[in-house]
Amino acid sequence: MATEEEAHLAREQHSDFLRESGAHAIAVDKIQHSEKETFGVIAFFEKQPSPAFPHSLEIEQDGHKKKVPLTTKIMSRAVLE
């Protein structure tokens, strides 16, 4: 399970990768992962990313590595009127 702080760190450390992969928005929130509630990173795409897209992001904090859950959601990009 990941803390909110760890999820924000994962978002910060991996935002370039997620945007380059096509994510138009990136959020941190509580998610269901392995049937447990935890904090994770949510990447929003207009279409489903490749099946090889990771389900977690690795962070390094205080010399320790940890995996933070990553989930994707399909949502149209917001349009300014």
PDB file of N, CA and C in Angstrom:
ATOM      1  N   MET A   1       0.839  -1.170   0.000  1.00  0.00           N
ATOM      2  CA  MET A   1       0.000   0.000   0.000  1.00  0.00           C
ATOM      3  C   MET A   1       0.891   1.242   0.000  1.00  0.00           C
ATOM      4  N   ALA A   2       0.412   2.269  -0.655  1.00  0.00           N
ATOM      5  CA  ALA A   2       1.174   3.509  -0.775  1.00  0.00           C
ATOM      6  C   ALA A   2       0.473   4.627  -0.010  1.00  0.00           C
ATOM      7  N   THR A   3       1.272   5.512   0.519  1.00  0.00           N
ATOM      8  CA  THR A   3       0.715   6.680   1.188  1.00  0.00           C
ATOM      9  C   THR A   3       0.429   7.765   0.157  1.00  0.00           C
ATOM     10  N   GLU A   4      -0.313   8.777   0.569  1.00  0.00           N
ATOM     11  CA  GLU A   4      -0.586   9.895  -0.324  1.00  0.00           C
ATOM     12  C   GLU A   4       0.714  10.590  -0.710  1.00  0.00           C
ATOM     13  N   GLU A   5       1.616  10.735   0.235  1.00  0.00           N
ATOM     14  CA  GLU A   5       2.911  11.372  -0.032  1.00  0.00           C
ATOM     15  C   GLU A   5       3.706  10.590  -1.079  1.00  0.00           C
ATOM     16  N   GLU A   6       3.708   9.263  -0.972  1.00  0.00           N
ATOM     17  CA  GLU A   6       4.425   8.433  -1.943  1.00  0.00           C
ATOM     18  C   GLU A   6       3.796   8.538  -3.325  1.00  0.00           C
ATOM     19  N   ALA A   7       2.471   8.600  -3.390  1.00  0.00           N
ATOM     20  CA  ALA A   7       1.794   8.732  -4.679  1.00  0.00           C
ATOM     21  C   ALA A   7       2.117  10.072  -5.337  1.00  0.00           C
ATOM     22  N   HIS A   8       2.151  11.146  -4.545  1.00  0.00           N
ATOM     23  CA  HIS A   8       2.520  12.452  -5.104  1.00  0.00           C
ATOM     24  C   HIS A   8       3.966  12.439  -5.598  1.00  0.00           C
ATOM     25  N   LEU A   9       4.845  11.760  -4.866  1.00  0.00           N
ATOM     26  CA  LEU A   9       6.240  11.651  -5.291  1.00  0.00           C
ATOM     27  C   LEU A   9       6.339  10.873  -6.604  1.00  0.00           C
ATOM     28  N   ALA A  10       5.569   9.799  -6.734  1.00  0.00           N
ATOM     29  CA  ALA A  10       5.565   9.022  -7.990  1.00  0.00           C
ATOM     30  C   ALA A  10       5.070   9.878  -9.142  1.00  0.00           C
ATOM     31  N   ARG A  11       4.024  10.662  -8.897  1.00  0.00           N
ATOM     32  CA  ARG A  11       3.504  11.559  -9.938  1.00  0.00           C
ATOM     33  C   ARG A  11       4.585  12.543 -10.366  1.00  0.00           C
ATOM     34  N   GLU A  12       5.270  13.100  -9.394  1.00  0.00           N
ATOM     35  CA  GLU A  12       6.324  14.083  -9.679  1.00  0.00           C
ATOM     36  C   GLU A  12       7.484  13.434 -10.438  1.00  0.00           C
ATOM     37  N   GLN A  13       7.925  12.271 -10.000  1.00  0.00           N
ATOM     38  CA  GLN A  13       9.086  11.610 -10.606  1.00  0.00           C
ATOM     39  C   GLN A  13       8.793  11.034 -11.992  1.00  0.00           C
ATOM     40  N   HIS A  14       7.528  10.720 -12.290  1.00  0.00           N
ATOM     41  CA  HIS A  14       7.203  10.037 -13.543  1.00  0.00           C
ATOM     42  C   HIS A  14       6.267  10.810 -14.463  1.00  0.00           C
ATOM     43  N   SER A  15       5.999  12.078 -14.166  1.00  0.00           N
ATOM     44  CA  SER A  15       5.053  12.840 -14.987  1.00  0.00           C
ATOM     45  C   SER A  15       5.516  12.974 -16.435  1.00  0.00           C
ATOM     46  N   ASP A  16       6.808  13.143 -16.669  1.00  0.00           N
ATOM     47  CA  ASP A  16       7.310  13.244 -18.048  1.00  0.00           C
ATOM     48  C   ASP A  16       7.015  11.957 -18.819  1.00  0.00           C
ATOM     49  N   PHE A  17       7.290  10.809 -18.220  1.00  0.00           N
ATOM     50  CA  PHE A  17       7.013   9.516 -18.858  1.00  0.00           C
ATOM     51  C   PHE A  17       5.528   9.374 -19.175  1.00  0.00           C
ATOM     52  N   LEU A  18       4.672   9.730 -18.219  1.00  0.00           N
ATOM     53  CA  LEU A  18       3.228   9.581 -18.420  1.00  0.00           C
ATOM     54  C   LEU A  18       2.728  10.494 -19.534  1.00  0.00           C
ATOM     55  N   ARG A  19       3.188  11.734 -19.564  1.00  0.00           N
ATOM     56  CA  ARG A  19       2.777  12.661 -20.631  1.00  0.00           C
ATOM     57  C   ARG A  19       3.289  12.196 -21.990  1.00  0.00           C
ATOM     58  N   GLU A  20       4.533  11.730 -22.051  1.00  0.00           N
ATOM     59  CA  GLU A  20       5.091  11.220 -23.309  1.00  0.00           C
ATOM     60  C   GLU A  20       4.335   9.978 -23.784  1.00  0.00           C
ATOM     61  N   SER A  21       3.717   9.257 -22.856  1.00  0.00           N
ATOM     62  CA  SER A  21       2.931   8.066 -23.192  1.00  0.00           C
ATOM     63  C   SER A  21       1.520   8.417 -23.652  1.00  0.00           C
ATOM     64  N   GLY A  22       1.161   9.713 -23.567  1.00  0.00           N
ATOM     65  CA  GLY A  22      -0.140  10.144 -24.057  1.00  0.00           C
ATOM     66  C   GLY A  22      -1.130  10.592 -23.000  1.00  0.00           C
ATOM     67  N   ALA A  23      -0.745  10.566 -21.734  1.00  0.00           N
ATOM     68  CA  ALA A  23      -1.658  11.010 -20.679  1.00  0.00           C
ATOM     69  C   ALA A  23      -1.886  12.514 -20.808  1.00  0.00           C
ATOM     70  N   HIS A  24      -3.146  12.943 -20.773  1.00  0.00           N
ATOM     71  CA  HIS A  24      -3.432  14.372 -20.859  1.00  0.00           C
ATOM     72  C   HIS A  24      -3.710  14.971 -19.485  1.00  0.00           C
ATOM     73  N   ALA A  25      -3.848  14.125 -18.469  1.00  0.00           N
ATOM     74  CA  ALA A  25      -4.001  14.586 -17.086  1.00  0.00           C
ATOM     75  C   ALA A  25      -3.467  13.495 -16.168  1.00  0.00           C
ATOM     76  N   ILE A  26      -2.942  13.909 -15.024  1.00  0.00           N
ATOM     77  CA  ILE A  26      -2.383  12.969 -14.057  1.00  0.00           C
ATOM     78  C   ILE A  26      -2.852  13.409 -12.677  1.00  0.00           C
ATOM     79  N   ALA A  27      -3.401  12.462 -11.919  1.00  0.00           N
ATOM     80  CA  ALA A  27      -3.940  12.784 -10.599  1.00  0.00           C
ATOM     81  C   ALA A  27      -3.438  11.784  -9.563  1.00  0.00           C
ATOM     82  N   VAL A  28      -3.613  12.150  -8.305  1.00  0.00           N
ATOM     83  CA  VAL A  28      -3.348  11.260  -7.174  1.00  0.00           C
ATOM     84  C   VAL A  28      -4.643  11.172  -6.387  1.00  0.00           C
ATOM     85  N   ASP A  29      -5.049   9.934  -6.060  1.00  0.00           N
ATOM     86  CA  ASP A  29      -6.273   9.748  -5.280  1.00  0.00           C
ATOM     87  C   ASP A  29      -6.269   8.344  -4.702  1.00  0.00           C
ATOM     88  N   LYS A  30      -7.263   8.061  -3.869  1.00  0.00           N
ATOM     89  CA  LYS A  30      -7.431   6.704  -3.356  1.00  0.00           C
ATOM     90  C   LYS A  30      -7.963   5.830  -4.488  1.00  0.00           C
ATOM     91  N   ILE A  31      -7.391   4.640  -4.605  1.00  0.00           N
ATOM     92  CA  ILE A  31      -7.812   3.691  -5.635  1.00  0.00           C
ATOM     93  C   ILE A  31      -7.909   2.302  -5.015  1.00  0.00           C
ATOM     94  N   GLN A  32      -8.576   1.400  -5.717  1.00  0.00           N
ATOM     95  CA  GLN A  32      -8.604  -0.009  -5.333  1.00  0.00           C
ATOM     96  C   GLN A  32      -7.457  -0.699  -6.061  1.00  0.00           C
ATOM     97  N   HIS A  33      -6.595  -1.384  -5.314  1.00  0.00           N
ATOM     98  CA  HIS A  33      -5.473  -2.104  -5.906  1.00  0.00           C
ATOM     99  C   HIS A  33      -5.327  -3.420  -5.149  1.00  0.00           C
ATOM    100  N   SER A  34      -5.385  -4.524  -5.858  1.00  0.00           N
ATOM    101  CA  SER A  34      -5.326  -5.856  -5.240  1.00  0.00           C
ATOM    102  C   SER A  34      -6.373  -5.991  -4.138  1.00  0.00           C
ATOM    103  N   GLU A  35      -7.573  -5.500  -4.438  1.00  0.00           N
ATOM    104  CA  GLU A  35      -8.722  -5.569  -3.540  1.00  0.00           C
ATOM    105  C   GLU A  35      -8.531  -4.802  -2.228  1.00  0.00           C
ATOM    106  N   LYS A  36      -7.594  -3.864  -2.211  1.00  0.00           N
ATOM    107  CA  LYS A  36      -7.363  -3.018  -1.041  1.00  0.00           C
ATOM    108  C   LYS A  36      -7.389  -1.560  -1.466  1.00  0.00           C
ATOM    109  N   GLU A  37      -7.798  -0.692  -0.557  1.00  0.00           N
ATOM    110  CA  GLU A  37      -7.788   0.736  -0.845  1.00  0.00           C
ATOM    111  C   GLU A  37      -6.420   1.301  -0.501  1.00  0.00           C
ATOM    112  N   THR A  38      -5.861   2.037  -1.426  1.00  0.00           N
ATOM    113  CA  THR A  38      -4.549   2.646  -1.252  1.00  0.00           C
ATOM    114  C   THR A  38      -4.504   3.927  -2.073  1.00  0.00           C
ATOM    115  N   PHE A  39      -3.491   4.713  -1.879  1.00  0.00           N
ATOM    116  CA  PHE A  39      -3.284   5.868  -2.753  1.00  0.00           C
ATOM    117  C   PHE A  39      -2.519   5.408  -3.981  1.00  0.00           C
ATOM    118  N   GLY A  40      -2.800   6.043  -5.106  1.00  0.00           N
ATOM    119  CA  GLY A  40      -2.116   5.707  -6.338  1.00  0.00           C
ATOM    120  C   GLY A  40      -2.161   6.860  -7.313  1.00  0.00           C
ATOM    121  N   VAL A  41      -1.502   6.672  -8.431  1.00  0.00           N
ATOM    122  CA  VAL A  41      -1.464   7.662  -9.503  1.00  0.00           C
ATOM    123  C   VAL A  41      -2.492   7.240 -10.553  1.00  0.00           C
ATOM    124  N   ILE A  42      -3.267   8.200 -11.032  1.00  0.00           N
ATOM    125  CA  ILE A  42      -4.256   7.952 -12.078  1.00  0.00           C
ATOM    126  C   ILE A  42      -3.846   8.751 -13.307  1.00  0.00           C
ATOM    127  N   ALA A  43      -3.643   8.058 -14.416  1.00  0.00           N
ATOM    128  CA  ALA A  43      -3.286   8.712 -15.675  1.00  0.00           C
ATOM    129  C   ALA A  43      -4.504   8.658 -16.591  1.00  0.00           C
ATOM    130  N   PHE A  44      -4.908   9.818 -17.115  1.00  0.00           N
ATOM    131  CA  PHE A  44      -6.077   9.923 -17.975  1.00  0.00           C
ATOM    132  C   PHE A  44      -5.646   9.970 -19.440  1.00  0.00           C
ATOM    133  N   PHE A  45      -6.248   9.089 -20.249  1.00  0.00           N
ATOM    134  CA  PHE A  45      -5.937   8.980 -21.673  1.00  0.00           C
ATOM    135  C   PHE A  45      -7.222   9.135 -22.483  1.00  0.00           C
ATOM    136  N   GLU A  46      -7.069   9.565 -23.731  1.00  0.00           N
ATOM    137  CA  GLU A  46      -8.226   9.623 -24.632  1.00  0.00           C
ATOM    138  C   GLU A  46      -8.544   8.244 -25.201  1.00  0.00           C
ATOM    139  N   LYS A  47      -7.539   7.383 -25.328  1.00  0.00           N
ATOM    140  CA  LYS A  47      -7.760   6.007 -25.761  1.00  0.00           C
ATOM    141  C   LYS A  47      -6.863   5.099 -24.933  1.00  0.00           C
ATOM    142  N   GLN A  48      -7.227   3.844 -24.888  1.00  0.00           N
ATOM    143  CA  GLN A  48      -6.527   2.868 -24.056  1.00  0.00           C
ATOM    144  C   GLN A  48      -5.051   2.779 -24.424  1.00  0.00           C
ATOM    145  N   PRO A  49      -4.149   2.910 -23.444  1.00  0.00           N
ATOM    146  CA  PRO A  49      -2.728   2.741 -23.745  1.00  0.00           C
ATOM    147  C   PRO A  49      -2.409   1.272 -24.025  1.00  0.00           C
ATOM    148  N   SER A  50      -1.233   1.005 -24.478  1.00  0.00           N
ATOM    149  CA  SER A  50      -0.824  -0.354 -24.838  1.00  0.00           C
ATOM    150  C   SER A  50      -0.945  -1.296 -23.630  1.00  0.00           C
ATOM    151  N   PRO A  51      -1.202  -2.573 -23.886  1.00  0.00           N
ATOM    152  CA  PRO A  51      -1.298  -3.546 -22.791  1.00  0.00           C
ATOM    153  C   PRO A  51      -0.004  -3.648 -21.978  1.00  0.00           C
ATOM    154  N   ALA A  52       1.100  -3.239 -22.569  1.00  0.00           N
ATOM    155  CA  ALA A  52       2.384  -3.293 -21.863  1.00  0.00           C
ATOM    156  C   ALA A  52       2.574  -2.114 -20.908  1.00  0.00           C
ATOM    157  N   PHE A  53       1.594  -1.211 -20.851  1.00  0.00           N
ATOM    158  CA  PHE A  53       1.705  -0.049 -19.969  1.00  0.00           C
ATOM    159  C   PHE A  53       1.801  -0.529 -18.518  1.00  0.00           C
ATOM    160  N   PRO A  54       2.709   0.044 -17.716  1.00  0.00           N
ATOM    161  CA  PRO A  54       2.918  -0.461 -16.350  1.00  0.00           C
ATOM    162  C   PRO A  54       1.710  -0.260 -15.433  1.00  0.00           C
ATOM    163  N   HIS A  55       1.624  -1.092 -14.410  1.00  0.00           N
ATOM    164  CA  HIS A  55       0.561  -1.001 -13.414  1.00  0.00           C
ATOM    165  C   HIS A  55       1.071  -0.403 -12.109  1.00  0.00           C
ATOM    166  N   SER A  56       2.349  -0.025 -12.109  1.00  0.00           N
ATOM    167  CA  SER A  56       2.930   0.633 -10.939  1.00  0.00           C
ATOM    168  C   SER A  56       4.095   1.501 -11.388  1.00  0.00           C
ATOM    169  N   LEU A  57       4.443   2.431 -10.527  1.00  0.00           N
ATOM    170  CA  LEU A  57       5.578   3.327 -10.765  1.00  0.00           C
ATOM    171  C   LEU A  57       6.551   3.160  -9.599  1.00  0.00           C
ATOM    172  N   GLU A  58       7.817   3.026  -9.915  1.00  0.00           N
ATOM    173  CA  GLU A  58       8.811   2.863  -8.858  1.00  0.00           C
ATOM    174  C   GLU A  58       9.334   4.227  -8.421  1.00  0.00           C
ATOM    175  N   ILE A  59       9.363   4.435  -7.118  1.00  0.00           N
ATOM    176  CA  ILE A  59       9.921   5.673  -6.577  1.00  0.00           C
ATOM    177  C   ILE A  59      11.136   5.342  -5.732  1.00  0.00           C
ATOM    178  N   GLU A  60      11.959   6.343  -5.544  1.00  0.00           N
ATOM    179  CA  GLU A  60      13.074   6.219  -4.619  1.00  0.00           C
ATOM    180  C   GLU A  60      12.918   7.320  -3.591  1.00  0.00           C
ATOM    181  N   GLN A  61      12.876   6.904  -2.324  1.00  0.00           N
ATOM    182  CA  GLN A  61      12.684   7.850  -1.232  1.00  0.00           C
ATOM    183  C   GLN A  61      13.608   7.441  -0.095  1.00  0.00           C
ATOM    184  N   ASP A  62      14.478   8.353   0.294  1.00  0.00           N
ATOM    185  CA  ASP A  62      15.430   8.097   1.385  1.00  0.00           C
ATOM    186  C   ASP A  62      16.267   6.842   1.134  1.00  0.00           C
ATOM    187  N   GLY A  63      16.654   6.628  -0.123  1.00  0.00           N
ATOM    188  CA  GLY A  63      17.496   5.494  -0.474  1.00  0.00           C
ATOM    189  C   GLY A  63      16.760   4.170  -0.604  1.00  0.00           C
ATOM    190  N   HIS A  64      15.448   4.172  -0.440  1.00  0.00           N
ATOM    191  CA  HIS A  64      14.650   2.951  -0.552  1.00  0.00           C
ATOM    192  C   HIS A  64      13.763   3.042  -1.784  1.00  0.00           C
ATOM    193  N   LYS A  65      13.586   1.905  -2.457  1.00  0.00           N
ATOM    194  CA  LYS A  65      12.708   1.862  -3.626  1.00  0.00           C
ATOM    195  C   LYS A  65      11.372   1.244  -3.216  1.00  0.00           C
ATOM    196  N   LYS A  66      10.311   1.768  -3.816  1.00  0.00           N
ATOM    197  CA  LYS A  66       8.966   1.271  -3.536  1.00  0.00           C
ATOM    198  C   LYS A  66       8.120   1.438  -4.787  1.00  0.00           C
ATOM    199  N   LYS A  67       7.153   0.537  -4.971  1.00  0.00           N
ATOM    200  CA  LYS A  67       6.237   0.640  -6.102  1.00  0.00           C
ATOM    201  C   LYS A  67       4.931   1.266  -5.644  1.00  0.00           C
ATOM    202  N   VAL A  68       4.464   2.215  -6.449  1.00  0.00           N
ATOM    203  CA  VAL A  68       3.200   2.908  -6.197  1.00  0.00           C
ATOM    204  C   VAL A  68       2.231   2.490  -7.296  1.00  0.00           C
ATOM    205  N   PRO A  69       1.013   2.087  -6.942  1.00  0.00           N
ATOM    206  CA  PRO A  69       0.044   1.665  -7.960  1.00  0.00           C
ATOM    207  C   PRO A  69      -0.248   2.768  -8.981  1.00  0.00           C
ATOM    208  N   LEU A  70      -0.426   2.339 -10.232  1.00  0.00           N
ATOM    209  CA  LEU A  70      -0.771   3.234 -11.334  1.00  0.00           C
ATOM    210  C   LEU A  70      -1.995   2.657 -12.022  1.00  0.00           C
ATOM    211  N   THR A  71      -2.994   3.480 -12.212  1.00  0.00           N
ATOM    212  CA  THR A  71      -4.183   3.048 -12.936  1.00  0.00           C
ATOM    213  C   THR A  71      -4.454   4.035 -14.058  1.00  0.00           C
ATOM    214  N   THR A  72      -5.183   3.585 -15.060  1.00  0.00           N
ATOM    215  CA  THR A  72      -5.518   4.466 -16.179  1.00  0.00           C
ATOM    216  C   THR A  72      -7.032   4.610 -16.273  1.00  0.00           C
ATOM    217  N   LYS A  73      -7.451   5.750 -16.763  1.00  0.00           N
ATOM    218  CA  LYS A  73      -8.867   6.007 -17.027  1.00  0.00           C
ATOM    219  C   LYS A  73      -8.972   6.629 -18.398  1.00  0.00           C
ATOM    220  N   ILE A  74     -10.032   6.267 -19.106  1.00  0.00           N
ATOM    221  CA  ILE A  74     -10.262   6.813 -20.435  1.00  0.00           C
ATOM    222  C   ILE A  74     -11.237   7.972 -20.277  1.00  0.00           C
ATOM    223  N   MET A  75     -10.813   9.136 -20.770  1.00  0.00           N
ATOM    224  CA  MET A  75     -11.631  10.344 -20.653  1.00  0.00           C
ATOM    225  C   MET A  75     -11.216  11.303 -21.762  1.00  0.00           C
ATOM    226  N   SER A  76     -12.181  11.940 -22.360  1.00  0.00           N
ATOM    227  CA  SER A  76     -11.879  12.935 -23.386  1.00  0.00           C
ATOM    228  C   SER A  76     -11.132  14.104 -22.758  1.00  0.00           C
ATOM    229  N   ARG A  77     -10.276  14.683 -23.555  1.00  0.00           N
ATOM    230  CA  ARG A  77      -9.529  15.855 -23.111  1.00  0.00           C
ATOM    231  C   ARG A  77     -10.508  17.017 -22.956  1.00  0.00           C
ATOM    232  N   ALA A  78     -10.355  17.806 -21.904  1.00  0.00           N
ATOM    233  CA  ALA A  78     -11.216  18.955 -21.686  1.00  0.00           C
ATOM    234  C   ALA A  78     -10.980  19.993 -22.776  1.00  0.00           C
ATOM    235  N   VAL A  79     -12.062  20.645 -23.224  1.00  0.00           N
ATOM    236  CA  VAL A  79     -11.991  21.661 -24.264  1.00  0.00           C
ATOM    237  C   VAL A  79     -12.489  22.974 -23.698  1.00  0.00           C
ATOM    238  N   LEU A  80     -11.693  24.014 -23.828  1.00  0.00           N
ATOM    239  CA  LEU A  80     -12.116  25.335 -23.375  1.00  0.00           C
ATOM    240  C   LEU A  80     -13.127  25.909 -24.344  1.00  0.00           C
ATOM    241  N   GLU A  81     -14.156  26.507 -23.815  1.00  0.00           N
ATOM    242  CA  GLU A  81     -15.194  27.086 -24.673  1.00  0.00           C
ATOM    243  C   GLU A  81     -14.972  28.565 -24.840  1.00  0.00           C
TER     244      GLU A  81
END
